[in-house]
């Protein structure tokens, strides 16, 4: 799969996904301090699912109707890099076919996959 990993999510997730043979664009490496609109635009252009901890992406997609290729929002109590990797691993393995075009919210106890208004 193709992902954009937001700076808020961290390099441990980037490294895990790359080691798992996914195509990963790290915002920290390629677009440092880019605003959310630019991140979404690049993700759409390149057919990438955004992985983030930033709730502002939900605002842009659901309230502003911004088109996207998919968002995976981590809302974790344990924000440690190890837990982020564990949750991303579980979701990408169990929900792989449902992530593109969806807004997926992940907590330690729940995964909610919701088709958004303007998926591509």
PDB file of N, CA and C in Angstrom:
ATOM      1  N   UNK A   1       0.840  -1.176   0.000  1.00  0.00           N
ATOM      2  CA  UNK A   1       0.000   0.000   0.000  1.00  0.00           C
ATOM      3  C   UNK A   1       0.886   1.241   0.000  1.00  0.00           C
ATOM      4  N   UNK A   2       0.272   2.359  -0.332  1.00  0.00           N
ATOM      5  CA  UNK A   2       0.976   3.642  -0.397  1.00  0.00           C
ATOM      6  C   UNK A   2       0.455   4.553   0.716  1.00  0.00           C
ATOM      7  N   UNK A   3       1.377   5.078   1.518  1.00  0.00           N
ATOM      8  CA  UNK A   3       1.010   5.902   2.662  1.00  0.00           C
ATOM      9  C   UNK A   3       1.771   7.217   2.677  1.00  0.00           C
ATOM     10  N   UNK A   4       1.157   8.211   3.319  1.00  0.00           N
ATOM     11  CA  UNK A   4       1.834   9.425   3.769  1.00  0.00           C
ATOM     12  C   UNK A   4       1.741   9.375   5.285  1.00  0.00           C
ATOM     13  N   UNK A   5       2.882   9.451   5.966  1.00  0.00           N
ATOM     14  CA  UNK A   5       2.874   9.449   7.428  1.00  0.00           C
ATOM     15  C   UNK A   5       3.169  10.869   7.903  1.00  0.00           C
ATOM     16  N   UNK A   6       2.191  11.433   8.600  1.00  0.00           N
ATOM     17  CA  UNK A   6       2.286  12.791   9.116  1.00  0.00           C
ATOM     18  C   UNK A   6       3.383  12.874  10.181  1.00  0.00           C
ATOM     19  N   UNK A   7       3.926  14.072  10.328  1.00  0.00           N
ATOM     20  CA  UNK A   7       4.971  14.287  11.338  1.00  0.00           C
ATOM     21  C   UNK A   7       4.507  13.910  12.736  1.00  0.00           C
ATOM     22  N   UNK A   8       3.237  14.133  13.041  1.00  0.00           N
ATOM     23  CA  UNK A   8       2.711  13.843  14.377  1.00  0.00           C
ATOM     24  C   UNK A   8       2.749  12.357  14.712  1.00  0.00           C
ATOM     25  N   UNK A   9       2.815  11.531  13.709  1.00  0.00           N
ATOM     26  CA  UNK A   9       2.769  10.082  13.921  1.00  0.00           C
ATOM     27  C   UNK A   9       4.142   9.495  14.228  1.00  0.00           C
ATOM     28  N   UNK A  10       5.175  10.055  13.649  1.00  0.00           N
ATOM     29  CA  UNK A  10       6.527   9.663  14.031  1.00  0.00           C
ATOM     30  C   UNK A  10       7.219   8.691  13.098  1.00  0.00           C
ATOM     31  N   UNK A  11       8.523   8.670  13.238  1.00  0.00           N
ATOM     32  CA  UNK A  11       9.378   7.872  12.359  1.00  0.00           C
ATOM     33  C   UNK A  11       9.325   6.376  12.643  1.00  0.00           C
ATOM     34  N   UNK A  12       8.939   5.962  13.840  1.00  0.00           N
ATOM     35  CA  UNK A  12       8.833   4.523  14.106  1.00  0.00           C
ATOM     36  C   UNK A  12       7.791   3.885  13.189  1.00  0.00           C
ATOM     37  N   UNK A  13       6.688   4.587  12.945  1.00  0.00           N
ATOM     38  CA  UNK A  13       5.649   4.082  12.036  1.00  0.00           C
ATOM     39  C   UNK A  13       6.180   4.063  10.603  1.00  0.00           C
ATOM     40  N   UNK A  14       6.889   5.106  10.203  1.00  0.00           N
ATOM     41  CA  UNK A  14       7.498   5.149   8.862  1.00  0.00           C
ATOM     42  C   UNK A  14       8.410   3.946   8.674  1.00  0.00           C
ATOM     43  N   UNK A  15       9.287   3.715   9.626  1.00  0.00           N
ATOM     44  CA  UNK A  15      10.250   2.609   9.520  1.00  0.00           C
ATOM     45  C   UNK A  15       9.553   1.256   9.494  1.00  0.00           C
ATOM     46  N   UNK A  16       8.530   1.066  10.340  1.00  0.00           N
ATOM     47  CA  UNK A  16       7.791  -0.192  10.327  1.00  0.00           C
ATOM     48  C   UNK A  16       7.171  -0.435   8.952  1.00  0.00           C
ATOM     49  N   UNK A  17       6.464   0.574   8.426  1.00  0.00           N
ATOM     50  CA  UNK A  17       5.788   0.402   7.139  1.00  0.00           C
ATOM     51  C   UNK A  17       6.777   0.133   6.009  1.00  0.00           C
ATOM     52  N   UNK A  18       7.897   0.821   6.001  1.00  0.00           N
ATOM     53  CA  UNK A  18       8.911   0.580   4.974  1.00  0.00           C
ATOM     54  C   UNK A  18       9.466  -0.837   5.088  1.00  0.00           C
ATOM     55  N   UNK A  19       9.720  -1.285   6.308  1.00  0.00           N
ATOM     56  CA  UNK A  19      10.219  -2.650   6.506  1.00  0.00           C
ATOM     57  C   UNK A  19       9.191  -3.701   6.115  1.00  0.00           C
ATOM     58  N   UNK A  20       7.924  -3.325   6.144  1.00  0.00           N
ATOM     59  CA  UNK A  20       6.846  -4.228   5.736  1.00  0.00           C
ATOM     60  C   UNK A  20       6.554  -4.109   4.238  1.00  0.00           C
ATOM     61  N   UNK A  21       7.449  -3.437   3.511  1.00  0.00           N
ATOM     62  CA  UNK A  21       7.394  -3.329   2.042  1.00  0.00           C
ATOM     63  C   UNK A  21       6.297  -2.412   1.520  1.00  0.00           C
ATOM     64  N   UNK A  22       5.842  -1.467   2.329  1.00  0.00           N
ATOM     65  CA  UNK A  22       4.888  -0.470   1.859  1.00  0.00           C
ATOM     66  C   UNK A  22       5.655   0.724   1.291  1.00  0.00           C
ATOM     67  N   UNK A  23       5.018   1.444   0.392  1.00  0.00           N
ATOM     68  CA  UNK A  23       5.576   2.664  -0.188  1.00  0.00           C
ATOM     69  C   UNK A  23       5.170   3.813   0.731  1.00  0.00           C
ATOM     70  N   UNK A  24       6.153   4.449   1.380  1.00  0.00           N
ATOM     71  CA  UNK A  24       5.854   5.438   2.418  1.00  0.00           C
ATOM     72  C   UNK A  24       6.528   6.769   2.123  1.00  0.00           C
ATOM     73  N   UNK A  25       5.722   7.823   2.131  1.00  0.00           N
ATOM     74  CA  UNK A  25       6.224   9.187   2.083  1.00  0.00           C
ATOM     75  C   UNK A  25       6.142   9.742   3.498  1.00  0.00           C
ATOM     76  N   UNK A  26       7.272  10.119   4.047  1.00  0.00           N
ATOM     77  CA  UNK A  26       7.321  10.703   5.383  1.00  0.00           C
ATOM     78  C   UNK A  26       7.236  12.216   5.243  1.00  0.00           C
ATOM     79  N   UNK A  27       6.235  12.825   5.861  1.00  0.00           N
ATOM     80  CA  UNK A  27       6.107  14.281   5.834  1.00  0.00           C
ATOM     81  C   UNK A  27       7.350  14.911   6.452  1.00  0.00           C
ATOM     82  N   UNK A  28       7.868  14.333   7.528  1.00  0.00           N
ATOM     83  CA  UNK A  28       9.059  14.876   8.192  1.00  0.00           C
ATOM     84  C   UNK A  28      10.256  14.930   7.245  1.00  0.00           C
ATOM     85  N   UNK A  29      10.377  13.963   6.367  1.00  0.00           N
ATOM     86  CA  UNK A  29      11.508  13.906   5.443  1.00  0.00           C
ATOM     87  C   UNK A  29      11.282  14.716   4.165  1.00  0.00           C
ATOM     88  N   UNK A  30      10.087  14.649   3.625  1.00  0.00           N
ATOM     89  CA  UNK A  30       9.849  15.195   2.287  1.00  0.00           C
ATOM     90  C   UNK A  30       9.107  16.525   2.263  1.00  0.00           C
ATOM     91  N   UNK A  31       8.356  16.849   3.323  1.00  0.00           N
ATOM     92  CA  UNK A  31       7.504  18.038   3.317  1.00  0.00           C
ATOM     93  C   UNK A  31       7.470  18.679   4.690  1.00  0.00           C
ATOM     94  N   UNK A  32       8.562  18.746   5.351  1.00  0.00           N
ATOM     95  CA  UNK A  32       8.619  19.202   6.731  1.00  0.00           C
ATOM     96  C   UNK A  32       7.786  20.465   6.956  1.00  0.00           C
ATOM     97  N   UNK A  33       6.934  20.400   7.954  1.00  0.00           N
ATOM     98  CA  UNK A  33       6.069  21.495   8.379  1.00  0.00           C
ATOM     99  C   UNK A  33       5.028  21.912   7.333  1.00  0.00           C
ATOM    100  N   UNK A  34       4.714  21.023   6.413  1.00  0.00           N
ATOM    101  CA  UNK A  34       3.663  21.309   5.429  1.00  0.00           C
ATOM    102  C   UNK A  34       2.319  21.394   6.140  1.00  0.00           C
ATOM    103  N   UNK A  35       1.424  22.246   5.627  1.00  0.00           N
ATOM    104  CA  UNK A  35       0.094  22.329   6.244  1.00  0.00           C
ATOM    105  C   UNK A  35      -0.757  21.148   5.768  1.00  0.00           C
ATOM    106  N   UNK A  36      -1.853  20.929   6.463  1.00  0.00           N
ATOM    107  CA  UNK A  36      -2.690  19.760   6.207  1.00  0.00           C
ATOM    108  C   UNK A  36      -3.246  19.732   4.787  1.00  0.00           C
ATOM    109  N   UNK A  37      -3.621  20.887   4.239  1.00  0.00           N
ATOM    110  CA  UNK A  37      -4.123  20.933   2.860  1.00  0.00           C
ATOM    111  C   UNK A  37      -3.083  20.408   1.876  1.00  0.00           C
ATOM    112  N   UNK A  38      -1.839  20.825   2.040  1.00  0.00           N
ATOM    113  CA  UNK A  38      -0.773  20.373   1.130  1.00  0.00           C
ATOM    114  C   UNK A  38      -0.520  18.876   1.270  1.00  0.00           C
ATOM    115  N   UNK A  39      -0.615  18.382   2.499  1.00  0.00           N
ATOM    116  CA  UNK A  39      -0.430  16.946   2.718  1.00  0.00           C
ATOM    117  C   UNK A  39      -1.537  16.159   2.028  1.00  0.00           C
ATOM    118  N   UNK A  40      -2.783  16.591   2.192  1.00  0.00           N
ATOM    119  CA  UNK A  40      -3.906  15.910   1.529  1.00  0.00           C
ATOM    120  C   UNK A  40      -3.748  15.985   0.016  1.00  0.00           C
ATOM    121  N   UNK A  41      -3.418  17.160  -0.510  1.00  0.00           N
ATOM    122  CA  UNK A  41      -3.263  17.311  -1.958  1.00  0.00           C
ATOM    123  C   UNK A  41      -2.207  16.357  -2.511  1.00  0.00           C
ATOM    124  N   UNK A  42      -1.081  16.262  -1.821  1.00  0.00           N
ATOM    125  CA  UNK A  42      -0.018  15.368  -2.295  1.00  0.00           C
ATOM    126  C   UNK A  42      -0.454  13.912  -2.186  1.00  0.00           C
ATOM    127  N   UNK A  43      -1.135  13.567  -1.111  1.00  0.00           N
ATOM    128  CA  UNK A  43      -1.629  12.204  -0.950  1.00  0.00           C
ATOM    129  C   UNK A  43      -2.599  11.839  -2.071  1.00  0.00           C
ATOM    130  N   UNK A  44      -3.462  12.763  -2.441  1.00  0.00           N
ATOM    131  CA  UNK A  44      -4.409  12.522  -3.534  1.00  0.00           C
ATOM    132  C   UNK A  44      -3.655  12.349  -4.851  1.00  0.00           C
ATOM    133  N   UNK A  45      -2.718  13.238  -5.133  1.00  0.00           N
ATOM    134  CA  UNK A  45      -1.946  13.162  -6.375  1.00  0.00           C
ATOM    135  C   UNK A  45      -1.214  11.832  -6.519  1.00  0.00           C
ATOM    136  N   UNK A  46      -0.747  11.297  -5.399  1.00  0.00           N
ATOM    137  CA  UNK A  46       0.067  10.078  -5.439  1.00  0.00           C
ATOM    138  C   UNK A  46      -0.702   8.827  -5.004  1.00  0.00           C
ATOM    139  N   UNK A  47      -1.997   8.958  -4.746  1.00  0.00           N
ATOM    140  CA  UNK A  47      -2.805   7.805  -4.355  1.00  0.00           C
ATOM    141  C   UNK A  47      -2.394   7.198  -3.024  1.00  0.00           C
ATOM    142  N   UNK A  48      -2.137   8.057  -2.029  1.00  0.00           N
ATOM    143  CA  UNK A  48      -1.646   7.602  -0.729  1.00  0.00           C
ATOM    144  C   UNK A  48      -2.698   7.789   0.370  1.00  0.00           C
ATOM    145  N   UNK A  49      -2.672   6.874   1.335  1.00  0.00           N
ATOM    146  CA  UNK A  49      -3.498   6.967   2.535  1.00  0.00           C
ATOM    147  C   UNK A  49      -2.684   7.708   3.586  1.00  0.00           C
ATOM    148  N   UNK A  50      -3.298   8.697   4.221  1.00  0.00           N
ATOM    149  CA  UNK A  50      -2.624   9.491   5.248  1.00  0.00           C
ATOM    150  C   UNK A  50      -2.756   8.791   6.597  1.00  0.00           C
ATOM    151  N   UNK A  51      -1.642   8.682   7.310  1.00  0.00           N
ATOM    152  CA  UNK A  51      -1.660   8.201   8.689  1.00  0.00           C
ATOM    153  C   UNK A  51      -1.264   9.376   9.569  1.00  0.00           C
ATOM    154  N   UNK A  52      -2.113   9.691  10.544  1.00  0.00           N
ATOM    155  CA  UNK A  52      -1.906  10.890  11.360  1.00  0.00           C
ATOM    156  C   UNK A  52      -2.479  10.721  12.759  1.00  0.00           C
ATOM    157  N   UNK A  53      -2.080  11.621  13.640  1.00  0.00           N
ATOM    158  CA  UNK A  53      -2.673  11.755  14.968  1.00  0.00           C
ATOM    159  C   UNK A  53      -3.454  13.069  15.045  1.00  0.00           C
ATOM    160  N   UNK A  54      -3.523  13.788  13.959  1.00  0.00           N
ATOM    161  CA  UNK A  54      -4.065  15.148  13.904  1.00  0.00           C
ATOM    162  C   UNK A  54      -5.543  15.125  13.507  1.00  0.00           C
ATOM    163  N   UNK A  55      -6.425  15.505  14.443  1.00  0.00           N
ATOM    164  CA  UNK A  55      -7.875  15.515  14.189  1.00  0.00           C
ATOM    165  C   UNK A  55      -8.294  16.538  13.138  1.00  0.00           C
ATOM    166  N   UNK A  56      -7.432  17.493  12.822  1.00  0.00           N
ATOM    167  CA  UNK A  56      -7.780  18.506  11.825  1.00  0.00           C
ATOM    168  C   UNK A  56      -8.079  17.900  10.452  1.00  0.00           C
ATOM    169  N   UNK A  57      -7.542  16.738  10.156  1.00  0.00           N
ATOM    170  CA  UNK A  57      -7.834  16.099   8.877  1.00  0.00           C
ATOM    171  C   UNK A  57      -9.315  15.741   8.770  1.00  0.00           C
ATOM    172  N   UNK A  58      -9.924  15.369   9.881  1.00  0.00           N
ATOM    173  CA  UNK A  58     -11.364  15.092   9.889  1.00  0.00           C
ATOM    174  C   UNK A  58     -12.171  16.329   9.566  1.00  0.00           C
ATOM    175  N   UNK A  59     -11.759  17.436  10.111  1.00  0.00           N
ATOM    176  CA  UNK A  59     -12.421  18.716   9.822  1.00  0.00           C
ATOM    177  C   UNK A  59     -12.361  19.024   8.323  1.00  0.00           C
ATOM    178  N   UNK A  60     -11.193  18.879   7.738  1.00  0.00           N
ATOM    179  CA  UNK A  60     -11.026  19.184   6.308  1.00  0.00           C
ATOM    180  C   UNK A  60     -11.858  18.253   5.429  1.00  0.00           C
ATOM    181  N   UNK A  61     -11.948  17.016   5.808  1.00  0.00           N
ATOM    182  CA  UNK A  61     -12.643  16.042   4.968  1.00  0.00           C
ATOM    183  C   UNK A  61     -14.151  16.072   5.179  1.00  0.00           C
ATOM    184  N   UNK A  62     -14.594  16.066   6.420  1.00  0.00           N
ATOM    185  CA  UNK A  62     -16.032  15.972   6.663  1.00  0.00           C
ATOM    186  C   UNK A  62     -16.751  17.316   6.639  1.00  0.00           C
ATOM    187  N   UNK A  63     -16.140  18.339   7.152  1.00  0.00           N
ATOM    188  CA  UNK A  63     -16.817  19.645   7.176  1.00  0.00           C
ATOM    189  C   UNK A  63     -16.542  20.455   5.917  1.00  0.00           C
ATOM    190  N   UNK A  64     -15.328  20.374   5.396  1.00  0.00           N
ATOM    191  CA  UNK A  64     -14.971  21.170   4.213  1.00  0.00           C
ATOM    192  C   UNK A  64     -15.136  20.393   2.917  1.00  0.00           C
ATOM    193  N   UNK A  65     -15.381  19.087   3.002  1.00  0.00           N
ATOM    194  CA  UNK A  65     -15.599  18.281   1.811  1.00  0.00           C
ATOM    195  C   UNK A  65     -14.356  18.056   0.963  1.00  0.00           C
ATOM    196  N   UNK A  66     -13.183  18.108   1.570  1.00  0.00           N
ATOM    197  CA  UNK A  66     -11.924  17.939   0.837  1.00  0.00           C
ATOM    198  C   UNK A  66     -11.805  16.496   0.343  1.00  0.00           C
ATOM    199  N   UNK A  67     -11.485  16.339  -0.936  1.00  0.00           N
ATOM    200  CA  UNK A  67     -11.285  15.009  -1.508  1.00  0.00           C
ATOM    201  C   UNK A  67     -10.032  14.381  -0.905  1.00  0.00           C
ATOM    202  N   UNK A  68     -10.004  13.061  -0.823  1.00  0.00           N
ATOM    203  CA  UNK A  68      -8.876  12.349  -0.236  1.00  0.00           C
ATOM    204  C   UNK A  68      -8.822  10.936  -0.784  1.00  0.00           C
ATOM    205  N   UNK A  69      -7.735  10.253  -0.494  1.00  0.00           N
ATOM    206  CA  UNK A  69      -7.588   8.855  -0.889  1.00  0.00           C
ATOM    207  C   UNK A  69      -7.770   7.916   0.299  1.00  0.00           C
ATOM    208  N   UNK A  70      -7.818   8.475   1.497  1.00  0.00           N
ATOM    209  CA  UNK A  70      -7.997   7.692   2.719  1.00  0.00           C
ATOM    210  C   UNK A  70      -7.197   8.306   3.850  1.00  0.00           C
ATOM    211  N   UNK A  71      -7.739   8.201   5.067  1.00  0.00           N
ATOM    212  CA  UNK A  71      -7.068   8.712   6.259  1.00  0.00           C
ATOM    213  C   UNK A  71      -7.189   7.666   7.357  1.00  0.00           C
ATOM    214  N   UNK A  72      -6.081   7.436   8.040  1.00  0.00           N
ATOM    215  CA  UNK A  72      -6.039   6.573   9.214  1.00  0.00           C
ATOM    216  C   UNK A  72      -5.657   7.461  10.388  1.00  0.00           C
ATOM    217  N   UNK A  73      -6.632   7.757  11.254  1.00  0.00           N
ATOM    218  CA  UNK A  73      -6.436   8.660  12.388  1.00  0.00           C
ATOM    219  C   UNK A  73      -6.222   7.851  13.653  1.00  0.00           C
ATOM    220  N   UNK A  74      -5.050   8.018  14.277  1.00  0.00           N
ATOM    221  CA  UNK A  74      -4.724   7.326  15.518  1.00  0.00           C
ATOM    222  C   UNK A  74      -5.155   8.186  16.700  1.00  0.00           C
ATOM    223  N   UNK A  75      -6.064   7.680  17.521  1.00  0.00           N
ATOM    224  CA  UNK A  75      -6.536   8.372  18.734  1.00  0.00           C
ATOM    225  C   UNK A  75      -6.197   7.467  19.916  1.00  0.00           C
ATOM    226  N   UNK A  76      -4.933   7.405  20.256  1.00  0.00           N
ATOM    227  CA  UNK A  76      -4.442   6.441  21.227  1.00  0.00           C
ATOM    228  C   UNK A  76      -4.202   7.067  22.590  1.00  0.00           C
ATOM    229  N   UNK A  77      -4.497   6.311  23.640  1.00  0.00           N
ATOM    230  CA  UNK A  77      -4.154   6.746  24.997  1.00  0.00           C
ATOM    231  C   UNK A  77      -2.654   6.613  25.208  1.00  0.00           C
ATOM    232  N   UNK A  78      -2.094   5.511  24.751  1.00  0.00           N
ATOM    233  CA  UNK A  78      -0.650   5.266  24.845  1.00  0.00           C
ATOM    234  C   UNK A  78      -0.030   5.734  23.534  1.00  0.00           C
ATOM    235  N   UNK A  79       0.594   6.898  23.568  1.00  0.00           N
ATOM    236  CA  UNK A  79       1.176   7.509  22.369  1.00  0.00           C
ATOM    237  C   UNK A  79       2.628   7.093  22.134  1.00  0.00           C
ATOM    238  N   UNK A  80       3.073   6.045  22.784  1.00  0.00           N
ATOM    239  CA  UNK A  80       4.455   5.607  22.602  1.00  0.00           C
ATOM    240  C   UNK A  80       4.659   5.112  21.166  1.00  0.00           C
ATOM    241  N   UNK A  81       5.874   5.258  20.637  1.00  0.00           N
ATOM    242  CA  UNK A  81       6.147   4.753  19.289  1.00  0.00           C
ATOM    243  C   UNK A  81       5.817   3.263  19.136  1.00  0.00           C
ATOM    244  N   UNK A  82       6.111   2.470  20.143  1.00  0.00           N
ATOM    245  CA  UNK A  82       5.832   1.032  20.062  1.00  0.00           C
ATOM    246  C   UNK A  82       4.335   0.762  19.926  1.00  0.00           C
ATOM    247  N   UNK A  83       3.503   1.489  20.665  1.00  0.00           N
ATOM    248  CA  UNK A  83       2.060   1.290  20.569  1.00  0.00           C
ATOM    249  C   UNK A  83       1.524   1.793  19.224  1.00  0.00           C
ATOM    250  N   UNK A  84       2.042   2.901  18.751  1.00  0.00           N
ATOM    251  CA  UNK A  84       1.623   3.387  17.421  1.00  0.00           C
ATOM    252  C   UNK A  84       1.913   2.344  16.353  1.00  0.00           C
ATOM    253  N   UNK A  85       3.107   1.779  16.402  1.00  0.00           N
ATOM    254  CA  UNK A  85       3.481   0.739  15.428  1.00  0.00           C
ATOM    255  C   UNK A  85       2.569  -0.472  15.581  1.00  0.00           C
ATOM    256  N   UNK A  86       2.327  -0.893  16.795  1.00  0.00           N
ATOM    257  CA  UNK A  86       1.459  -2.056  17.035  1.00  0.00           C
ATOM    258  C   UNK A  86       0.073  -1.849  16.444  1.00  0.00           C
ATOM    259  N   UNK A  87      -0.494  -0.654  16.647  1.00  0.00           N
ATOM    260  CA  UNK A  87      -1.836  -0.381  16.142  1.00  0.00           C
ATOM    261  C   UNK A  87      -1.853  -0.257  14.621  1.00  0.00           C
ATOM    262  N   UNK A  88      -0.865   0.411  14.049  1.00  0.00           N
ATOM    263  CA  UNK A  88      -0.793   0.529  12.587  1.00  0.00           C
ATOM    264  C   UNK A  88      -0.624  -0.849  11.959  1.00  0.00           C
ATOM    265  N   UNK A  89       0.208  -1.674  12.551  1.00  0.00           N
ATOM    266  CA  UNK A  89       0.409  -3.043  12.049  1.00  0.00           C
ATOM    267  C   UNK A  89      -0.911  -3.807  12.050  1.00  0.00           C
ATOM    268  N   UNK A  90      -1.617  -3.775  13.164  1.00  0.00           N
ATOM    269  CA  UNK A  90      -2.886  -4.502  13.272  1.00  0.00           C
ATOM    270  C   UNK A  90      -3.907  -4.012  12.245  1.00  0.00           C
ATOM    271  N   UNK A  91      -4.024  -2.702  12.106  1.00  0.00           N
ATOM    272  CA  UNK A  91      -5.024  -2.149  11.186  1.00  0.00           C
ATOM    273  C   UNK A  91      -4.655  -2.416   9.729  1.00  0.00           C
ATOM    274  N   UNK A  92      -3.396  -2.240   9.367  1.00  0.00           N
ATOM    275  CA  UNK A  92      -3.017  -2.463   7.970  1.00  0.00           C
ATOM    276  C   UNK A  92      -3.115  -3.936   7.590  1.00  0.00           C
ATOM    277  N   UNK A  93      -2.978  -4.812   8.552  1.00  0.00           N
ATOM    278  CA  UNK A  93      -3.123  -6.247   8.259  1.00  0.00           C
ATOM    279  C   UNK A  93      -4.592  -6.668   8.211  1.00  0.00           C
ATOM    280  N   UNK A  94      -5.399  -6.189   9.143  1.00  0.00           N
ATOM    281  CA  UNK A  94      -6.782  -6.643   9.251  1.00  0.00           C
ATOM    282  C   UNK A  94      -7.772  -5.883   8.374  1.00  0.00           C
ATOM    283  N   UNK A  95      -7.461  -4.635   8.035  1.00  0.00           N
ATOM    284  CA  UNK A  95      -8.420  -3.789   7.312  1.00  0.00           C
ATOM    285  C   UNK A  95      -7.861  -3.295   5.982  1.00  0.00           C
ATOM    286  N   UNK A  96      -6.847  -3.938   5.462  1.00  0.00           N
ATOM    287  CA  UNK A  96      -6.136  -3.459   4.267  1.00  0.00           C
ATOM    288  C   UNK A  96      -7.077  -3.122   3.111  1.00  0.00           C
ATOM    289  N   UNK A  97      -8.055  -3.942   2.860  1.00  0.00           N
ATOM    290  CA  UNK A  97      -8.932  -3.726   1.710  1.00  0.00           C
ATOM    291  C   UNK A  97      -9.963  -2.626   1.937  1.00  0.00           C
ATOM    292  N   UNK A  98     -10.077  -2.137   3.169  1.00  0.00           N
ATOM    293  CA  UNK A  98     -11.101  -1.130   3.477  1.00  0.00           C
ATOM    294  C   UNK A  98     -10.538   0.267   3.701  1.00  0.00           C
ATOM    295  N   UNK A  99      -9.216   0.430   3.721  1.00  0.00           N
ATOM    296  CA  UNK A  99      -8.627   1.720   4.080  1.00  0.00           C
ATOM    297  C   UNK A  99      -8.714   2.767   2.975  1.00  0.00           C
ATOM    298  N   UNK A 100      -8.496   2.378   1.734  1.00  0.00           N
ATOM    299  CA  UNK A 100      -8.525   3.352   0.635  1.00  0.00           C
ATOM    300  C   UNK A 100      -9.920   3.961   0.517  1.00  0.00           C
ATOM    301  N   UNK A 101      -9.977   5.289   0.485  1.00  0.00           N
ATOM    302  CA  UNK A 101     -11.247   5.998   0.340  1.00  0.00           C
ATOM    303  C   UNK A 101     -12.043   6.129   1.627  1.00  0.00           C
ATOM    304  N   UNK A 102     -11.500   5.644   2.734  1.00  0.00           N
ATOM    305  CA  UNK A 102     -12.213   5.684   4.017  1.00  0.00           C
ATOM    306  C   UNK A 102     -11.507   6.590   5.011  1.00  0.00           C
ATOM    307  N   UNK A 103     -12.264   7.038   5.990  1.00  0.00           N
ATOM    308  CA  UNK A 103     -11.708   7.744   7.139  1.00  0.00           C
ATOM    309  C   UNK A 103     -11.787   6.756   8.281  1.00  0.00           C
ATOM    310  N   UNK A 104     -10.637   6.265   8.717  1.00  0.00           N
ATOM    311  CA  UNK A 104     -10.569   5.213   9.722  1.00  0.00           C
ATOM    312  C   UNK A 104     -10.020   5.784  11.016  1.00  0.00           C
ATOM    313  N   UNK A 105     -10.760   5.586  12.100  1.00  0.00           N
ATOM    314  CA  UNK A 105     -10.326   6.049  13.418  1.00  0.00           C
ATOM    315  C   UNK A 105      -9.952   4.818  14.232  1.00  0.00           C
ATOM    316  N   UNK A 106      -8.759   4.887  14.844  1.00  0.00           N
ATOM    317  CA  UNK A 106      -8.228   3.751  15.584  1.00  0.00           C
ATOM    318  C   UNK A 106      -7.945   4.151  17.026  1.00  0.00           C
ATOM    319  N   UNK A 107      -8.509   3.388  17.960  1.00  0.00           N
ATOM    320  CA  UNK A 107      -8.143   3.493  19.368  1.00  0.00           C
ATOM    321  C   UNK A 107      -7.670   2.100  19.782  1.00  0.00           C
ATOM    322  N   UNK A 108      -7.195   1.988  21.008  1.00  0.00           N
ATOM    323  CA  UNK A 108      -6.763   0.671  21.475  1.00  0.00           C
ATOM    324  C   UNK A 108      -7.915  -0.337  21.507  1.00  0.00           C
ATOM    325  N   UNK A 109      -9.142   0.122  21.637  1.00  0.00           N
ATOM    326  CA  UNK A 109     -10.270  -0.789  21.745  1.00  0.00           C
ATOM    327  C   UNK A 109     -11.221  -0.818  20.573  1.00  0.00           C
ATOM    328  N   UNK A 110     -10.999   0.032  19.559  1.00  0.00           N
ATOM    329  CA  UNK A 110     -11.977   0.158  18.488  1.00  0.00           C
ATOM    330  C   UNK A 110     -11.330   0.604  17.188  1.00  0.00           C
ATOM    331  N   UNK A 111     -11.811   0.038  16.101  1.00  0.00           N
ATOM    332  CA  UNK A 111     -11.451   0.522  14.768  1.00  0.00           C
ATOM    333  C   UNK A 111     -12.758   0.843  14.064  1.00  0.00           C
ATOM    334  N   UNK A 112     -12.908   2.112  13.655  1.00  0.00           N
ATOM    335  CA  UNK A 112     -14.126   2.542  12.964  1.00  0.00           C
ATOM    336  C   UNK A 112     -13.736   2.978  11.559  1.00  0.00           C
ATOM    337  N   UNK A 113     -14.227   2.248  10.559  1.00  0.00           N
ATOM    338  CA  UNK A 113     -13.947   2.568   9.164  1.00  0.00           C
ATOM    339  C   UNK A 113     -15.198   3.196   8.591  1.00  0.00           C
ATOM    340  N   UNK A 114     -15.039   4.425   8.119  1.00  0.00           N
ATOM    341  CA  UNK A 114     -16.199   5.183   7.630  1.00  0.00           C
ATOM    342  C   UNK A 114     -15.879   5.732   6.236  1.00  0.00           C
ATOM    343  N   UNK A 115     -16.734   5.443   5.298  1.00  0.00           N
ATOM    344  CA  UNK A 115     -16.579   6.024   3.970  1.00  0.00           C
ATOM    345  C   UNK A 115     -16.820   7.511   4.087  1.00  0.00           C
ATOM    346  N   UNK A 116     -15.916   8.298   3.585  1.00  0.00           N
ATOM    347  CA  UNK A 116     -16.045   9.745   3.682  1.00  0.00           C
ATOM    348  C   UNK A 116     -16.819  10.290   2.485  1.00  0.00           C
ATOM    349  N   UNK A 117     -17.161  11.551   2.580  1.00  0.00           N
ATOM    350  CA  UNK A 117     -18.007  12.201   1.591  1.00  0.00           C
ATOM    351  C   UNK A 117     -17.347  12.266   0.209  1.00  0.00           C
ATOM    352  N   UNK A 118     -16.074  12.605   0.138  1.00  0.00           N
ATOM    353  CA  UNK A 118     -15.413  12.841  -1.136  1.00  0.00           C
ATOM    354  C   UNK A 118     -14.197  11.937  -1.366  1.00  0.00           C
ATOM    355  N   UNK A 119     -14.314  10.600  -1.222  1.00  0.00           N
ATOM    356  CA  UNK A 119     -13.134   9.802  -1.512  1.00  0.00           C
ATOM    357  C   UNK A 119     -12.859   9.806  -3.002  1.00  0.00           C
ATOM    358  N   UNK A 120     -11.620   9.543  -3.365  1.00  0.00           N
ATOM    359  CA  UNK A 120     -11.260   9.428  -4.781  1.00  0.00           C
ATOM    360  C   UNK A 120     -11.177   7.982  -5.168  1.00  0.00           C
TER     361      UNK A 120
END
